[in-house]
Amino acid sequence: MIDKYIYRDDKTGTAYWIEDNQFMSAPLLVSGEVDHDMKLAIGNWENMEPFAEDYSNFQHLILILEKLLERH
């Protein structure tokens, strides 16, 4: 079951939430809705280049996780 709180991040064009104790993500559609068909646990991400190129991307992701945990 999806947590009631979904964080929609304009910077990354991605939605984030906690589901079954996992940090999840999915792209945002142009309408702002979450593309749940494309959901993926953050732990399963394969492209980590944005984090190697700029550590502030990792900091941004951690801040989102902290916001979700406050609400969870």
PDB file of N, CA and C in Angstrom:
ATOM      1  N   MET A   1       0.842  -1.186   0.000  1.00  0.00           N
ATOM      2  CA  MET A   1       0.000   0.000   0.000  1.00  0.00           C
ATOM      3  C   MET A   1       0.884   1.245   0.000  1.00  0.00           C
ATOM      4  N   ILE A   2       0.524   2.218  -0.764  1.00  0.00           N
ATOM      5  CA  ILE A   2       1.285   3.446  -0.872  1.00  0.00           C
ATOM      6  C   ILE A   2       0.953   4.359   0.297  1.00  0.00           C
ATOM      7  N   ASP A   3       1.992   4.931   0.883  1.00  0.00           N
ATOM      8  CA  ASP A   3       1.812   5.896   1.958  1.00  0.00           C
ATOM      9  C   ASP A   3       0.960   7.053   1.455  1.00  0.00           C
ATOM     10  N   LYS A   4       0.210   7.671   2.327  1.00  0.00           N
ATOM     11  CA  LYS A   4      -0.670   8.773   1.928  1.00  0.00           C
ATOM     12  C   LYS A   4       0.106   9.989   1.450  1.00  0.00           C
ATOM     13  N   TYR A   5       1.343  10.135   1.905  1.00  0.00           N
ATOM     14  CA  TYR A   5       2.117  11.318   1.559  1.00  0.00           C
ATOM     15  C   TYR A   5       3.098  11.006   0.435  1.00  0.00           C
ATOM     16  N   ILE A   6       2.956  11.705  -0.665  1.00  0.00           N
ATOM     17  CA  ILE A   6       3.865  11.579  -1.802  1.00  0.00           C
ATOM     18  C   ILE A   6       4.525  12.933  -2.001  1.00  0.00           C
ATOM     19  N   TYR A   7       5.843  12.946  -2.025  1.00  0.00           N
ATOM     20  CA  TYR A   7       6.591  14.175  -2.239  1.00  0.00           C
ATOM     21  C   TYR A   7       6.848  14.317  -3.730  1.00  0.00           C
ATOM     22  N   ARG A   8       6.327  15.374  -4.319  1.00  0.00           N
ATOM     23  CA  ARG A   8       6.529  15.650  -5.749  1.00  0.00           C
ATOM     24  C   ARG A   8       7.644  16.673  -5.875  1.00  0.00           C
ATOM     25  N   ASP A   9       8.740  16.267  -6.502  1.00  0.00           N
ATOM     26  CA  ASP A   9       9.915  17.110  -6.584  1.00  0.00           C
ATOM     27  C   ASP A   9      10.056  17.682  -7.989  1.00  0.00           C
ATOM     28  N   ASP A  10       9.901  18.996  -8.089  1.00  0.00           N
ATOM     29  CA  ASP A  10      10.008  19.663  -9.389  1.00  0.00           C
ATOM     30  C   ASP A  10      11.436  19.630  -9.931  1.00  0.00           C
ATOM     31  N   LYS A  11      12.424  19.662  -9.039  1.00  0.00           N
ATOM     32  CA  LYS A  11      13.828  19.672  -9.481  1.00  0.00           C
ATOM     33  C   LYS A  11      14.168  18.425 -10.295  1.00  0.00           C
ATOM     34  N   THR A  12      13.693  17.276  -9.839  1.00  0.00           N
ATOM     35  CA  THR A  12      14.017  16.018 -10.514  1.00  0.00           C
ATOM     36  C   THR A  12      12.881  15.492 -11.390  1.00  0.00           C
ATOM     37  N   GLY A  13      11.686  16.100 -11.279  1.00  0.00           N
ATOM     38  CA  GLY A  13      10.544  15.602 -12.040  1.00  0.00           C
ATOM     39  C   GLY A  13      10.126  14.217 -11.592  1.00  0.00           C
ATOM     40  N   THR A  14      10.319  13.973 -10.302  1.00  0.00           N
ATOM     41  CA  THR A  14      10.094  12.642  -9.744  1.00  0.00           C
ATOM     42  C   THR A  14       9.260  12.745  -8.480  1.00  0.00           C
ATOM     43  N   ALA A  15       8.452  11.720  -8.249  1.00  0.00           N
ATOM     44  CA  ALA A  15       7.697  11.599  -7.007  1.00  0.00           C
ATOM     45  C   ALA A  15       8.421  10.602  -6.110  1.00  0.00           C
ATOM     46  N   TYR A  16       8.369  10.856  -4.812  1.00  0.00           N
ATOM     47  CA  TYR A  16       9.013   9.976  -3.839  1.00  0.00           C
ATOM     48  C   TYR A  16       8.028   9.660  -2.735  1.00  0.00           C
ATOM     49  N   TRP A  17       8.093   8.451  -2.198  1.00  0.00           N
ATOM     50  CA  TRP A  17       7.236   8.054  -1.091  1.00  0.00           C
ATOM     51  C   TRP A  17       7.818   6.818  -0.427  1.00  0.00           C
ATOM     52  N   ILE A  18       7.236   6.467   0.721  1.00  0.00           N
ATOM     53  CA  ILE A  18       7.605   5.255   1.443  1.00  0.00           C
ATOM     54  C   ILE A  18       6.510   4.230   1.189  1.00  0.00           C
ATOM     55  N   GLU A  19       6.902   3.042   0.746  1.00  0.00           N
ATOM     56  CA  GLU A  19       5.953   1.955   0.492  1.00  0.00           C
ATOM     57  C   GLU A  19       6.571   0.657   0.991  1.00  0.00           C
ATOM     58  N   ASP A  20       5.868  -0.034   1.870  1.00  0.00           N
ATOM     59  CA  ASP A  20       6.370  -1.294   2.433  1.00  0.00           C
ATOM     60  C   ASP A  20       7.801  -1.130   2.959  1.00  0.00           C
ATOM     61  N   ASN A  21       8.019  -0.041   3.672  1.00  0.00           N
ATOM     62  CA  ASN A  21       9.316   0.279   4.288  1.00  0.00           C
ATOM     63  C   ASN A  21      10.444   0.448   3.280  1.00  0.00           C
ATOM     64  N   GLN A  22      10.106   0.823   2.053  1.00  0.00           N
ATOM     65  CA  GLN A  22      11.110   1.107   1.034  1.00  0.00           C
ATOM     66  C   GLN A  22      10.935   2.541   0.534  1.00  0.00           C
ATOM     67  N   PHE A  23      12.044   3.170   0.209  1.00  0.00           N
ATOM     68  CA  PHE A  23      12.066   4.516  -0.358  1.00  0.00           C
ATOM     69  C   PHE A  23      11.828   4.347  -1.854  1.00  0.00           C
ATOM     70  N   MET A  24      10.665   4.804  -2.327  1.00  0.00           N
ATOM     71  CA  MET A  24      10.238   4.571  -3.703  1.00  0.00           C
ATOM     72  C   MET A  24      10.296   5.856  -4.530  1.00  0.00           C
ATOM     73  N   SER A  25      10.336   5.674  -5.845  1.00  0.00           N
ATOM     74  CA  SER A  25      10.308   6.814  -6.763  1.00  0.00           C
ATOM     75  C   SER A  25       9.540   6.433  -8.015  1.00  0.00           C
ATOM     76  N   ALA A  26       9.063   7.449  -8.701  1.00  0.00           N
ATOM     77  CA  ALA A  26       8.412   7.274  -9.998  1.00  0.00           C
ATOM     78  C   ALA A  26       8.411   8.631 -10.691  1.00  0.00           C
ATOM     79  N   PRO A  27       8.486   8.619 -12.015  1.00  0.00           N
ATOM     80  CA  PRO A  27       8.451   9.894 -12.736  1.00  0.00           C
ATOM     81  C   PRO A  27       7.108  10.588 -12.563  1.00  0.00           C
ATOM     82  N   LEU A  28       7.154  11.904 -12.669  1.00  0.00           N
ATOM     83  CA  LEU A  28       5.924  12.688 -12.695  1.00  0.00           C
ATOM     84  C   LEU A  28       5.503  12.893 -14.142  1.00  0.00           C
ATOM     85  N   LEU A  29       4.233  12.744 -14.400  1.00  0.00           N
ATOM     86  CA  LEU A  29       3.689  13.016 -15.723  1.00  0.00           C
ATOM     87  C   LEU A  29       3.545  14.526 -15.908  1.00  0.00           C
ATOM     88  N   VAL A  30       3.347  14.975 -17.114  1.00  0.00           N
ATOM     89  CA  VAL A  30       3.183  16.406 -17.397  1.00  0.00           C
ATOM     90  C   VAL A  30       2.043  16.990 -16.563  1.00  0.00           C
ATOM     91  N   SER A  31       1.026  16.194 -16.311  1.00  0.00           N
ATOM     92  CA  SER A  31      -0.128  16.636 -15.524  1.00  0.00           C
ATOM     93  C   SER A  31       0.198  16.799 -14.036  1.00  0.00           C
ATOM     94  N   GLY A  32       1.381  16.301 -13.624  1.00  0.00           N
ATOM     95  CA  GLY A  32       1.743  16.344 -12.214  1.00  0.00           C
ATOM     96  C   GLY A  32       1.389  15.076 -11.465  1.00  0.00           C
ATOM     97  N   GLU A  33       0.689  14.184 -12.143  1.00  0.00           N
ATOM     98  CA  GLU A  33       0.341  12.904 -11.534  1.00  0.00           C
ATOM     99  C   GLU A  33       1.556  11.981 -11.528  1.00  0.00           C
ATOM    100  N   VAL A  34       1.545  11.002 -10.637  1.00  0.00           N
ATOM    101  CA  VAL A  34       2.638  10.050 -10.516  1.00  0.00           C
ATOM    102  C   VAL A  34       2.421   8.894 -11.500  1.00  0.00           C
ATOM    103  N   ASP A  35       3.463   8.550 -12.229  1.00  0.00           N
ATOM    104  CA  ASP A  35       3.410   7.419 -13.156  1.00  0.00           C
ATOM    105  C   ASP A  35       3.733   6.146 -12.366  1.00  0.00           C
ATOM    106  N   HIS A  36       2.728   5.609 -11.672  1.00  0.00           N
ATOM    107  CA  HIS A  36       2.922   4.446 -10.810  1.00  0.00           C
ATOM    108  C   HIS A  36       3.369   3.210 -11.577  1.00  0.00           C
ATOM    109  N   ASP A  37       3.128   3.168 -12.881  1.00  0.00           N
ATOM    110  CA  ASP A  37       3.588   2.028 -13.689  1.00  0.00           C
ATOM    111  C   ASP A  37       5.112   1.986 -13.781  1.00  0.00           C
ATOM    112  N   MET A  38       5.762   3.114 -13.493  1.00  0.00           N
ATOM    113  CA  MET A  38       7.221   3.214 -13.599  1.00  0.00           C
ATOM    114  C   MET A  38       7.896   3.295 -12.227  1.00  0.00           C
ATOM    115  N   LYS A  39       7.171   2.900 -11.166  1.00  0.00           N
ATOM    116  CA  LYS A  39       7.737   3.026  -9.827  1.00  0.00           C
ATOM    117  C   LYS A  39       8.930   2.086  -9.650  1.00  0.00           C
ATOM    118  N   LEU A  40       9.865   2.537  -8.803  1.00  0.00           N
ATOM    119  CA  LEU A  40      11.086   1.782  -8.568  1.00  0.00           C
ATOM    120  C   LEU A  40      11.629   2.140  -7.192  1.00  0.00           C
ATOM    121  N   ALA A  41      12.061   1.145  -6.459  1.00  0.00           N
ATOM    122  CA  ALA A  41      12.711   1.401  -5.180  1.00  0.00           C
ATOM    123  C   ALA A  41      14.041   2.093  -5.437  1.00  0.00           C
ATOM    124  N   ILE A  42      14.361   3.094  -4.628  1.00  0.00           N
ATOM    125  CA  ILE A  42      15.610   3.831  -4.805  1.00  0.00           C
ATOM    126  C   ILE A  42      16.805   2.868  -4.761  1.00  0.00           C
ATOM    127  N   GLY A  43      16.726   1.856  -3.923  1.00  0.00           N
ATOM    128  CA  GLY A  43      17.807   0.874  -3.820  1.00  0.00           C
ATOM    129  C   GLY A  43      18.052   0.110  -5.104  1.00  0.00           C
ATOM    130  N   ASN A  44      17.110   0.154  -6.032  1.00  0.00           N
ATOM    131  CA  ASN A  44      17.256  -0.549  -7.303  1.00  0.00           C
ATOM    132  C   ASN A  44      17.647   0.371  -8.454  1.00  0.00           C
ATOM    133  N   TRP A  45      17.873   1.641  -8.159  1.00  0.00           N
ATOM    134  CA  TRP A  45      18.306   2.558  -9.209  1.00  0.00           C
ATOM    135  C   TRP A  45      19.616   2.054  -9.797  1.00  0.00           C
ATOM    136  N   GLU A  46      19.756   2.141 -11.098  1.00  0.00           N
ATOM    137  CA  GLU A  46      20.994   1.716 -11.764  1.00  0.00           C
ATOM    138  C   GLU A  46      21.865   2.902 -12.163  1.00  0.00           C
ATOM    139  N   ASN A  47      21.271   4.020 -12.501  1.00  0.00           N
ATOM    140  CA  ASN A  47      22.044   5.184 -12.942  1.00  0.00           C
ATOM    141  C   ASN A  47      22.357   6.078 -11.749  1.00  0.00           C
ATOM    142  N   MET A  48      23.566   5.987 -11.261  1.00  0.00           N
ATOM    143  CA  MET A  48      23.983   6.791 -10.117  1.00  0.00           C
ATOM    144  C   MET A  48      24.922   7.921 -10.541  1.00  0.00           C
ATOM    145  N   GLU A  49      25.067   8.139 -11.839  1.00  0.00           N
ATOM    146  CA  GLU A  49      25.969   9.184 -12.348  1.00  0.00           C
ATOM    147  C   GLU A  49      25.669  10.575 -11.793  1.00  0.00           C
ATOM    148  N   PRO A  50      24.385  10.970 -11.681  1.00  0.00           N
ATOM    149  CA  PRO A  50      24.125  12.325 -11.148  1.00  0.00           C
ATOM    150  C   PRO A  50      24.720  12.542  -9.753  1.00  0.00           C
ATOM    151  N   PHE A  51      24.855  11.478  -8.975  1.00  0.00           N
ATOM    152  CA  PHE A  51      25.400  11.604  -7.626  1.00  0.00           C
ATOM    153  C   PHE A  51      26.922  11.669  -7.659  1.00  0.00           C
ATOM    154  N   ALA A  52      27.528  10.968  -8.594  1.00  0.00           N
ATOM    155  CA  ALA A  52      28.985  11.024  -8.737  1.00  0.00           C
ATOM    156  C   ALA A  52      29.419  12.384  -9.289  1.00  0.00           C
ATOM    157  N   GLU A  53      28.602  12.950 -10.162  1.00  0.00           N
ATOM    158  CA  GLU A  53      28.930  14.231 -10.795  1.00  0.00           C
ATOM    159  C   GLU A  53      28.768  15.409  -9.838  1.00  0.00           C
ATOM    160  N   ASP A  54      27.783  15.324  -8.944  1.00  0.00           N
ATOM    161  CA  ASP A  54      27.492  16.453  -8.055  1.00  0.00           C
ATOM    162  C   ASP A  54      26.887  15.919  -6.758  1.00  0.00           C
ATOM    163  N   TYR A  55      27.673  15.958  -5.690  1.00  0.00           N
ATOM    164  CA  TYR A  55      27.202  15.402  -4.420  1.00  0.00           C
ATOM    165  C   TYR A  55      25.966  16.123  -3.886  1.00  0.00           C
ATOM    166  N   SER A  56      25.689  17.345  -4.356  1.00  0.00           N
ATOM    167  CA  SER A  56      24.497  18.051  -3.868  1.00  0.00           C
ATOM    168  C   SER A  56      23.224  17.328  -4.311  1.00  0.00           C
ATOM    169  N   ASN A  57      23.301  16.540  -5.383  1.00  0.00           N
ATOM    170  CA  ASN A  57      22.150  15.727  -5.793  1.00  0.00           C
ATOM    171  C   ASN A  57      21.832  14.684  -4.719  1.00  0.00           C
ATOM    172  N   PHE A  58      22.866  14.106  -4.137  1.00  0.00           N
ATOM    173  CA  PHE A  58      22.676  13.129  -3.068  1.00  0.00           C
ATOM    174  C   PHE A  58      22.095  13.821  -1.835  1.00  0.00           C
ATOM    175  N   GLN A  59      22.603  14.997  -1.508  1.00  0.00           N
ATOM    176  CA  GLN A  59      22.073  15.755  -0.372  1.00  0.00           C
ATOM    177  C   GLN A  59      20.593  16.066  -0.572  1.00  0.00           C
ATOM    178  N   HIS A  60      20.221  16.427  -1.806  1.00  0.00           N
ATOM    179  CA  HIS A  60      18.831  16.728  -2.133  1.00  0.00           C
ATOM    180  C   HIS A  60      17.951  15.501  -1.894  1.00  0.00           C
ATOM    181  N   LEU A  61      18.423  14.347  -2.307  1.00  0.00           N
ATOM    182  CA  LEU A  61      17.672  13.108  -2.133  1.00  0.00           C
ATOM    183  C   LEU A  61      17.507  12.770  -0.647  1.00  0.00           C
ATOM    184  N   ILE A  62      18.544  12.979   0.133  1.00  0.00           N
ATOM    185  CA  ILE A  62      18.469  12.711   1.574  1.00  0.00           C
ATOM    186  C   ILE A  62      17.469  13.657   2.246  1.00  0.00           C
ATOM    187  N   LEU A  63      17.432  14.917   1.829  1.00  0.00           N
ATOM    188  CA  LEU A  63      16.454  15.854   2.389  1.00  0.00           C
ATOM    189  C   LEU A  63      15.028  15.410   2.090  1.00  0.00           C
ATOM    190  N   ILE A  64      14.804  14.885   0.899  1.00  0.00           N
ATOM    191  CA  ILE A  64      13.474  14.372   0.553  1.00  0.00           C
ATOM    192  C   ILE A  64      13.127  13.196   1.449  1.00  0.00           C
ATOM    193  N   LEU A  65      14.075  12.278   1.637  1.00  0.00           N
ATOM    194  CA  LEU A  65      13.835  11.128   2.510  1.00  0.00           C
ATOM    195  C   LEU A  65      13.508  11.588   3.927  1.00  0.00           C
ATOM    196  N   GLU A  66      14.232  12.571   4.423  1.00  0.00           N
ATOM    197  CA  GLU A  66      13.947  13.085   5.766  1.00  0.00           C
ATOM    198  C   GLU A  66      12.534  13.647   5.859  1.00  0.00           C
ATOM    199  N   LYS A  67      12.100  14.373   4.841  1.00  0.00           N
ATOM    200  CA  LYS A  67      10.734  14.919   4.844  1.00  0.00           C
ATOM    201  C   LYS A  67       9.703  13.793   4.851  1.00  0.00           C
ATOM    202  N   LEU A  68       9.965  12.753   4.084  1.00  0.00           N
ATOM    203  CA  LEU A  68       9.033  11.627   4.047  1.00  0.00           C
ATOM    204  C   LEU A  68       8.977  10.905   5.387  1.00  0.00           C
ATOM    205  N   LEU A  69      10.126  10.733   6.005  1.00  0.00           N
ATOM    206  CA  LEU A  69      10.159  10.036   7.292  1.00  0.00           C
ATOM    207  C   LEU A  69       9.464  10.831   8.377  1.00  0.00           C
ATOM    208  N   GLU A  70       9.509  12.156   8.285  1.00  0.00           N
ATOM    209  CA  GLU A  70       8.782  12.987   9.247  1.00  0.00           C
ATOM    210  C   GLU A  70       7.280  12.744   9.145  1.00  0.00           C
ATOM    211  N   ARG A  71       6.802  12.488   7.946  1.00  0.00           N
ATOM    212  CA  ARG A  71       5.363  12.312   7.709  1.00  0.00           C
ATOM    213  C   ARG A  71       4.921  10.855   7.873  1.00  0.00           C
ATOM    214  N   HIS A  72       5.851   9.926   7.768  1.00  0.00           N
ATOM    215  CA  HIS A  72       5.515   8.493   7.741  1.00  0.00           C
ATOM    216  C   HIS A  72       5.129   7.972   9.105  1.00  0.00           C
TER     217      HIS A  72
END
